[in-house]
């Protein structure tokens, strides 16, 4: 698990052969956290410890969505390469988009 903030995505980060995206938020007392993961790439999971982003998914071939009480899974129809980037400035939007072949 990698502890990150939005600024870690000022330069786009690429994940290859993503089959599933998993995310969830949690609150422990005063602390709020958000987790975003890309599987199966060595189970890369980001822990947003400073600010919870809005996440915009663009162009992903979503096959099904599993919404559970503690996390949500987006299962894709086929594996894709994705780019994760932040708009910058005062925005709290994180973009996860399919990279076109």
Protein backbone atom coordinates (compact mmCIF):
# COMPACT_ATOMS: atom_id res chain seq x y z
CA UNK A 1 0.00 0.00 0.00
CA UNK A 2 1.37 3.41 -0.96
CA UNK A 3 0.51 6.45 1.13
CA UNK A 4 -0.16 9.36 -1.25
CA UNK A 5 -1.83 12.71 -1.79
CA UNK A 6 -3.23 14.25 -4.97
CA UNK A 7 0.12 15.89 -5.77
CA UNK A 8 1.57 12.42 -6.38
CA UNK A 9 -0.54 12.37 -9.56
CA UNK A 10 0.42 15.77 -10.96
CA UNK A 11 2.48 13.77 -13.44
CA UNK A 12 0.23 10.96 -14.79
CA UNK A 13 0.83 7.47 -13.37
CA UNK A 14 0.24 4.49 -15.67
CA UNK A 15 -0.99 1.04 -14.61
CA UNK A 16 -0.83 -1.78 -17.14
CA UNK A 17 -3.25 -4.68 -17.68
CA UNK A 18 -5.81 -3.53 -15.11
CA UNK A 19 -8.68 -6.00 -14.73
CA UNK A 20 -10.32 -4.62 -11.59
CA UNK A 21 -10.47 -1.26 -9.84
CA UNK A 22 -11.26 -1.26 -6.12
CA UNK A 23 -11.97 1.71 -3.90
CA UNK A 24 -13.44 2.63 -0.54
CA UNK A 25 -13.44 5.32 2.08
CA UNK A 26 -13.38 4.96 5.81
CA UNK A 27 -13.59 7.12 8.88
CA UNK A 28 -11.85 6.33 12.15
CA UNK A 29 -12.70 8.98 14.72
CA UNK A 30 -11.54 12.27 13.19
CA UNK A 31 -9.41 10.58 10.53
CA UNK A 32 -10.85 10.08 7.04
CA UNK A 33 -9.07 7.95 4.44
CA UNK A 34 -9.69 6.87 0.86
CA UNK A 35 -8.20 3.81 -0.84
CA UNK A 36 -7.92 3.25 -4.60
CA UNK A 37 -6.42 0.09 -6.09
CA UNK A 38 -5.63 -1.38 -9.48
CA UNK A 39 -5.54 -5.16 -9.76
CA UNK A 40 -3.81 -7.44 -10.50
CA UNK A 41 -0.72 -5.20 -10.83
CA UNK A 42 0.92 -6.54 -7.69
CA UNK A 43 -2.20 -5.39 -5.89
CA UNK A 44 -1.22 -1.72 -6.14
CA UNK A 45 -3.34 0.17 -3.63
CA UNK A 46 -3.06 3.89 -2.90
CA UNK A 47 -3.92 5.24 0.54
CA UNK A 48 -5.02 8.88 0.26
CA UNK A 49 -4.18 10.16 3.70
CA UNK A 50 -4.52 13.87 2.95
CA UNK A 51 -7.76 14.76 1.27
CA UNK A 52 -10.35 12.49 -0.26
CA UNK A 53 -10.54 12.94 -4.03
CA UNK A 54 -13.51 12.84 -6.34
CA UNK A 55 -12.67 10.09 -8.85
CA UNK A 56 -13.77 10.36 -12.47
CA UNK A 57 -13.59 7.14 -14.50
CA UNK A 58 -13.32 7.69 -18.25
CA UNK A 59 -13.48 5.11 -21.05
CA UNK A 60 -13.18 2.01 -18.87
CA UNK A 61 -14.95 -1.08 -20.27
CA UNK A 62 -16.91 -1.81 -17.08
CA UNK A 63 -18.51 -5.25 -17.10
CA UNK A 64 -19.98 -5.27 -13.62
CA UNK A 65 -19.90 -3.40 -10.34
CA UNK A 66 -19.85 -5.03 -6.94
CA UNK A 67 -20.83 -2.61 -4.19
CA UNK A 68 -20.11 -3.93 -0.73
CA UNK A 69 -20.36 -2.33 2.68
CA UNK A 70 -16.60 -1.68 2.87
CA UNK A 71 -15.45 -1.45 -0.73
CA UNK A 72 -16.56 -1.25 -4.34
CA UNK A 73 -15.12 -3.30 -7.20
CA UNK A 74 -15.30 -2.33 -10.88
CA UNK A 75 -14.68 -5.51 -12.90
CA UNK A 76 -13.64 -4.73 -16.47
CA UNK A 77 -14.67 -6.64 -19.61
CA UNK A 78 -11.01 -7.01 -20.58
CA UNK A 79 -7.70 -5.79 -19.20
CA UNK A 80 -6.66 -2.26 -20.11
CA UNK A 81 -3.87 0.19 -19.42
CA UNK A 82 -5.02 3.18 -17.37
CA UNK A 83 -3.61 6.58 -16.57
CA UNK A 84 -4.26 8.23 -13.22
CA UNK A 85 -3.82 12.00 -13.07
CA UNK A 86 -4.80 15.07 -11.05
CA UNK A 87 -6.00 18.32 -12.63
CA UNK A 88 -3.96 20.42 -10.21
CA UNK A 89 -4.82 23.75 -8.64
CA UNK A 90 -7.65 23.75 -6.12
CA UNK A 91 -9.33 20.75 -7.73
CA UNK A 92 -9.87 17.54 -5.80
CA UNK A 93 -10.65 15.57 -8.98
CA UNK A 94 -8.62 12.50 -9.83
CA UNK A 95 -9.04 11.13 -13.36
CA UNK A 96 -8.71 7.41 -14.11
CA UNK A 97 -8.87 6.92 -17.85
CA UNK A 98 -8.27 4.16 -20.33
CA UNK A 99 -5.19 4.69 -22.47
CA UNK A 100 -6.12 4.22 -26.09
CA UNK A 101 -4.00 1.65 -27.95
